[in-house]
Amino acid sequence: MRIVSLLPSATESLFALGLGNSLVAVTHECDYPSEARALPAVTRSTLRLEEEDSFGIENAVTAAALRGSSLYHVDTNAIRELEPDLVVAQDVCRVCAVSADQVVEDLAGTRIIRQHPHSLEDVLADIEELAAACSVDPGSLIRSLRERIARVAEAAAKRPRVRGVFLEWLNPPYPAGHWTPDLLALAGIDDPLARSGRPSVAMHWDDVAEARPDLLLLAPCGFDKQRADREAAAVAPLIEATGAGRVIVFDGSAYFNRPGPRLIDSLELLAGAAAQS
């Protein structure tokens, strides 16, 4: 098969399924595994956000939405020239990745899978659907992921639960949404602000303080660890005002933000944080 992935998490899933050699193009954000970086990129950002902080990005994205502008340019001509058998896109978040609606008209006649996970089970089901579309058996991968999930849940059940708050954006703060609350619950973390199976929405730092977290977990969407650390430092007084006993900053881009196999790595990181609390 010839596959174009317009979704970094799908790129990771395809490699995990042994289908990396079937990929003929990916997005400019597909950076894992390292082999993905060598593939042609058929997207680019329409905004220059590399030097912006989270507040600046929030404003730029909001302004683009008000204008009706897309955050991504997709070279659909290049995709058609590649003659793919399958294109993988998503319907979860127009900010995080290319929306399927943006390309479906230009790619009429090409098979498109539209992934839209809102829970951890949805993520696993999407991996299975992707495997079925490519005529490969996902059994070994799914069994391995489920075994790891079970091990974490079993260990967490033997420990006292931890009161925590997970933020997937910092200025303004956004609580855990979609699949992340599932990960928190399995890891033994009770987050009163989490929005299970629903999109995250902006709130205020006063809301975080009122939640009285013992553990504050920060994983800004799309930010690697170094950039996330800078963002956390920029709002340090607000973080301190929450009264959290421990604050942990994660590489959100690598782990929590992409609904693919590395969500189980994310779960294990959360479990480790909870065990130390």
Protein backbone atom coordinates (compact mmCIF):
# COMPACT_ATOMS: atom_id res chain seq x y z
CA MET A 1 0.00 0.00 0.00
CA ARG A 2 0.88 3.64 -0.47
CA ILE A 3 -0.17 5.67 2.57
CA VAL A 4 -0.15 9.40 3.34
CA SER A 5 -0.45 10.27 7.02
CA LEU A 6 -1.76 13.72 7.92
CA LEU A 7 -1.64 12.88 11.61
CA PRO A 8 1.53 12.40 13.70
CA SER A 9 -0.12 9.82 15.95
CA ALA A 10 -1.22 7.81 12.91
CA THR A 11 2.35 7.92 11.62
CA GLU A 12 3.52 6.45 14.93
CA SER A 13 0.80 3.79 14.79
CA LEU A 14 1.70 2.81 11.23
CA PHE A 15 5.35 2.32 12.15
CA ALA A 16 4.33 0.34 15.25
CA LEU A 17 2.22 -1.89 12.99
CA GLY A 18 5.21 -2.53 10.75
CA LEU A 19 3.87 -0.30 7.96
CA GLY A 20 6.56 2.36 7.94
CA ASN A 21 7.73 1.30 4.48
CA SER A 22 4.22 1.91 3.13
CA LEU A 23 4.29 5.60 4.03
CA VAL A 24 4.96 7.87 1.07
CA ALA A 25 4.36 11.23 2.79
CA VAL A 26 3.67 12.67 6.23
CA THR A 27 3.20 16.05 7.92
CA HIS A 28 5.88 18.53 8.92
CA GLU A 29 5.15 17.56 12.54
CA CYS A 30 5.72 13.81 12.11
CA ASP A 31 8.98 13.37 14.01
CA TYR A 32 8.63 9.92 15.58
CA PRO A 33 10.07 7.44 15.01
CA SER A 34 13.15 9.12 13.57
CA GLU A 35 12.59 7.41 10.19
CA ALA A 36 9.47 9.54 9.74
CA ARG A 37 11.59 12.68 9.46
CA ALA A 38 13.12 11.41 6.23
CA LEU A 39 9.75 11.16 4.47
CA PRO A 40 8.36 13.93 2.24
CA ALA A 41 6.23 16.43 4.16
CA VAL A 42 3.04 17.62 2.46
CA THR A 43 2.00 20.16 5.09
CA ARG A 44 3.30 23.30 6.74
CA SER A 45 2.04 25.71 9.35
CA THR A 46 0.37 28.89 8.11
CA LEU A 47 1.48 30.73 11.27
CA ARG A 48 4.94 31.42 12.64
CA LEU A 49 4.61 30.29 16.22
CA GLU A 50 8.06 28.90 16.98
CA GLU A 51 9.10 31.87 19.11
CA GLU A 52 5.70 32.59 20.65
CA ASP A 53 4.82 31.69 24.22
CA SER A 54 1.58 29.92 25.04
CA PHE A 55 -0.31 33.20 25.49
CA GLY A 56 0.87 34.44 22.09
CA ILE A 57 -0.07 31.14 20.45
CA GLU A 58 -3.51 31.21 22.06
CA ASN A 59 -4.13 34.70 20.66
CA ALA A 60 -2.83 33.81 17.19
CA VAL A 61 -4.94 30.66 16.98
CA THR A 62 -8.04 32.51 18.18
CA ALA A 63 -7.50 35.25 15.60
CA ALA A 64 -7.10 32.67 12.84
CA ALA A 65 -10.33 30.99 13.89
CA LEU A 66 -12.19 34.31 13.81
CA ARG A 67 -10.88 34.91 10.28
CA GLY A 68 -11.88 31.40 9.26
CA SER A 69 -8.27 30.65 8.38
CA SER A 70 -6.72 27.19 8.57
CA LEU A 71 -3.64 26.68 10.69
CA TYR A 72 -2.17 24.31 8.10
CA HIS A 73 -1.38 24.42 4.42
CA VAL A 74 -1.76 21.02 2.77
CA ASP A 75 -0.25 20.34 -0.64
CA THR A 76 -3.10 18.24 -1.99
CA ASN A 77 -1.61 18.37 -5.50
CA ALA A 78 1.50 16.62 -4.20
CA ILE A 79 -0.67 14.07 -2.41
CA ARG A 80 -2.60 13.27 -5.58
CA GLU A 81 0.66 12.90 -7.54
CA LEU A 82 1.78 10.29 -5.02
CA GLU A 83 -1.32 8.22 -5.88
CA PRO A 84 -1.92 6.96 -2.35
CA ASP A 85 -4.20 4.04 -1.62
CA LEU A 86 -5.02 5.58 1.76
CA VAL A 87 -4.87 8.96 3.49
CA VAL A 88 -5.18 9.16 7.27
CA ALA A 89 -6.60 12.35 8.81
CA GLN A 90 -8.54 13.34 11.94
CA ASP A 91 -11.66 15.12 13.20
CA VAL A 92 -10.69 15.72 16.83
CA CYS A 93 -8.93 19.10 16.84
CA ARG A 94 -8.35 21.60 14.03
CA VAL A 95 -5.51 23.15 16.08
CA CYS A 96 -3.51 20.00 16.80
CA ALA A 97 -3.40 18.52 13.29
CA VAL A 98 -4.82 18.80 9.78
CA SER A 99 -8.59 18.40 9.77
CA ALA A 100 -10.05 15.81 7.39
CA ASP A 101 -12.60 18.39 6.25
CA GLN A 102 -9.74 20.52 4.92
CA VAL A 103 -8.68 17.89 2.37
CA VAL A 104 -11.69 15.69 1.66
CA GLU A 105 -12.92 17.73 -1.33
CA ASP A 106 -9.52 18.06 -3.01
CA LEU A 107 -8.84 14.36 -2.48
CA ALA A 108 -12.19 13.12 -3.76
CA GLY A 109 -11.81 9.56 -4.99
CA THR A 110 -9.01 8.77 -2.54
CA ARG A 111 -9.82 6.60 0.46
CA ILE A 112 -9.58 8.64 3.66
CA ILE A 113 -9.72 7.32 7.20
CA ARG A 114 -10.98 9.94 9.65
CA GLN A 115 -9.75 9.21 13.16
CA HIS A 116 -11.66 10.84 16.01
CA PRO A 117 -10.66 9.32 19.36
CA HIS A 118 -12.03 10.77 22.59
CA SER A 119 -10.97 8.04 25.02
CA LEU A 120 -8.15 5.56 25.51
CA GLU A 121 -10.39 2.79 24.18
CA ASP A 122 -11.06 4.91 21.09
CA VAL A 123 -7.32 5.23 20.53
CA LEU A 124 -6.85 1.47 20.64
CA ALA A 125 -9.85 0.98 18.34
CA ASP A 126 -8.37 3.47 15.85
CA ILE A 127 -5.13 1.46 15.76
CA GLU A 128 -7.16 -1.67 15.02
CA GLU A 129 -9.17 0.13 12.32
CA LEU A 130 -5.98 1.40 10.71
CA ALA A 131 -4.52 -2.11 10.73
CA ALA A 132 -7.67 -3.53 9.15
CA ALA A 133 -7.59 -0.90 6.41
CA CYS A 134 -4.03 -1.94 5.63
CA SER A 135 -4.71 -5.69 5.91
CA VAL A 136 -2.31 -6.32 8.78
CA ASP A 137 -2.91 -8.02 12.12
CA PRO A 138 -2.77 -5.60 15.08
CA GLY A 139 -3.06 -8.41 17.62
CA SER A 140 0.52 -8.45 18.88
CA LEU A 141 0.69 -4.67 19.27
CA ILE A 142 -2.70 -4.34 20.93
CA ARG A 143 -2.01 -7.22 23.32
CA SER A 144 1.28 -5.63 24.34
CA LEU A 145 -0.37 -2.25 24.94
CA ARG A 146 -3.23 -3.78 26.95
CA GLU A 147 -0.82 -5.83 29.06
CA ARG A 148 1.08 -2.67 29.95
CA ILE A 149 -2.18 -0.88 30.81
CA ALA A 150 -3.21 -3.77 33.05
CA ARG A 151 0.13 -3.74 34.88
CA VAL A 152 -0.17 -0.04 35.63
CA ALA A 153 -3.78 -0.36 36.81
CA GLU A 154 -2.93 -3.32 39.04
CA ALA A 155 -0.04 -1.49 40.70
CA ALA A 156 -2.08 1.71 41.11
CA ALA A 157 -4.88 -0.19 42.83
CA LYS A 158 -2.46 -1.10 45.63
CA ARG A 159 -1.52 2.53 46.38
CA PRO A 160 -3.46 5.42 47.93
CA ARG A 161 -4.91 7.61 45.21
CA VAL A 162 -3.36 11.02 44.60
CA ARG A 163 -5.22 14.30 44.15
CA GLY A 164 -3.79 16.01 41.10
CA VAL A 165 -4.45 18.39 38.24
CA PHE A 166 -3.17 17.86 34.71
CA LEU A 167 -2.86 20.90 32.42
CA GLU A 168 -2.44 20.59 28.65
CA TRP A 169 -1.91 24.34 28.16
CA LEU A 170 -0.60 26.96 30.57
CA ASN A 171 -1.61 30.47 29.54
CA PRO A 172 -4.51 30.29 29.85
CA PRO A 173 -4.62 26.93 31.61
CA TYR A 174 -6.52 24.10 29.93
CA PRO A 175 -7.42 20.97 31.95
CA ALA A 176 -7.06 17.38 30.81
CA GLY A 177 -9.51 16.43 28.08
CA HIS A 178 -10.36 13.57 25.72
CA TRP A 179 -8.24 10.48 26.56
CA THR A 180 -5.98 12.01 29.23
CA PRO A 181 -8.51 11.61 32.09
CA ASP A 182 -8.54 7.88 31.35
CA LEU A 183 -4.77 7.80 31.78
CA LEU A 184 -4.97 9.74 35.04
CA ALA A 185 -7.61 7.43 36.49
CA LEU A 186 -5.66 4.30 35.57
CA ALA A 187 -2.49 5.76 37.10
CA GLY A 188 -4.25 6.41 40.42
CA ILE A 189 -4.64 10.19 40.06
CA ASP A 190 -7.94 11.90 40.86
CA ASP A 191 -8.24 15.12 38.86
CA PRO A 192 -11.38 17.14 39.72
CA LEU A 193 -10.92 19.38 36.66
CA ALA A 194 -10.52 16.61 34.05
CA ARG A 195 -13.03 16.46 31.18
CA SER A 196 -13.26 12.79 30.31
CA GLY A 197 -14.07 12.18 26.65
CA ARG A 198 -14.57 15.89 25.97
CA PRO A 199 -12.41 18.66 24.52
CA SER A 200 -10.45 20.78 26.94
CA VAL A 201 -11.58 24.38 27.50
CA ALA A 202 -9.79 27.42 28.85
CA MET A 203 -10.14 28.23 32.54
CA HIS A 204 -8.36 30.39 35.12
CA TRP A 205 -5.46 29.70 37.43
CA ASP A 206 -7.82 30.40 40.33
CA ASP A 207 -9.73 27.27 39.25
CA VAL A 208 -6.52 25.26 39.53
CA ALA A 209 -5.81 26.63 43.00
CA GLU A 210 -9.38 25.89 44.12
CA ALA A 211 -8.91 22.25 43.04
CA ARG A 212 -6.20 21.96 45.76
CA PRO A 213 -3.88 19.60 43.85
CA ASP A 214 -1.19 17.76 45.72
CA LEU A 215 0.37 16.98 42.34
CA LEU A 216 0.42 19.38 39.39
CA LEU A 217 1.21 17.86 35.99
CA LEU A 218 2.08 20.13 33.07
CA ALA A 219 2.25 18.92 29.45
CA PRO A 220 1.62 21.83 27.06
CA CYS A 221 0.25 20.59 23.74
CA GLY A 222 2.87 20.45 21.00
CA PHE A 223 5.75 21.52 23.27
CA ASP A 224 8.84 19.41 23.86
CA LYS A 225 10.33 19.21 27.35
CA GLN A 226 12.66 22.18 26.91
CA ARG A 227 9.93 24.47 25.64
CA ALA A 228 7.50 23.22 28.28
CA ASP A 229 10.04 24.03 30.99
CA ARG A 230 10.32 27.60 29.64
CA GLU A 231 6.55 27.98 29.67
CA ALA A 232 6.32 26.69 33.22
CA ALA A 233 9.01 29.13 34.32
CA ALA A 234 7.06 32.00 32.74
CA VAL A 235 4.02 31.27 34.91
CA ALA A 236 5.96 30.19 38.01
CA PRO A 237 4.12 32.55 40.41
CA LEU A 238 0.76 31.16 39.23
CA ILE A 239 2.00 27.60 39.65
CA GLU A 240 3.26 28.36 43.15
CA ALA A 241 -0.09 29.90 44.07
CA THR A 242 -1.83 26.56 43.47
CA GLY A 243 -0.15 25.17 46.58
CA ALA A 244 0.76 21.92 44.82
CA GLY A 245 3.29 19.90 46.75
CA ARG A 246 4.91 18.57 43.58
CA VAL A 247 5.05 19.95 40.05
CA ILE A 248 6.15 17.81 37.11
CA VAL A 249 6.69 19.09 33.58
CA PHE A 250 6.41 16.60 30.73
CA ASP A 251 7.21 16.50 27.03
CA GLY A 252 3.59 16.85 25.89
CA SER A 253 4.36 16.53 22.21
CA ALA A 254 6.07 13.18 22.62
CA TYR A 255 3.69 11.61 25.05
CA PHE A 256 0.30 12.98 26.03
CA ASN A 257 -0.92 14.99 23.07
CA ARG A 258 -0.77 12.34 20.34
CA PRO A 259 -3.40 9.56 20.45
CA GLY A 260 -1.16 6.69 19.44
CA PRO A 261 0.90 3.87 20.99
CA ARG A 262 3.01 6.23 23.10
CA LEU A 263 -0.06 7.07 25.20
CA ILE A 264 0.87 3.93 27.12
CA ASP A 265 4.31 5.40 27.76
CA SER A 266 2.42 8.46 29.00
CA LEU A 267 0.37 6.28 31.35
CA GLU A 268 3.54 4.76 32.76
CA LEU A 269 5.00 8.22 33.33
CA LEU A 270 1.87 9.27 35.22
CA ALA A 271 1.98 6.12 37.31
CA GLY A 272 5.59 6.82 38.21
CA ALA A 273 4.68 10.36 39.28
CA ALA A 274 1.78 9.10 41.38
CA ALA A 275 3.91 6.45 43.06
CA GLN A 276 6.38 9.09 44.22
CA SER A 277 3.70 11.34 45.71
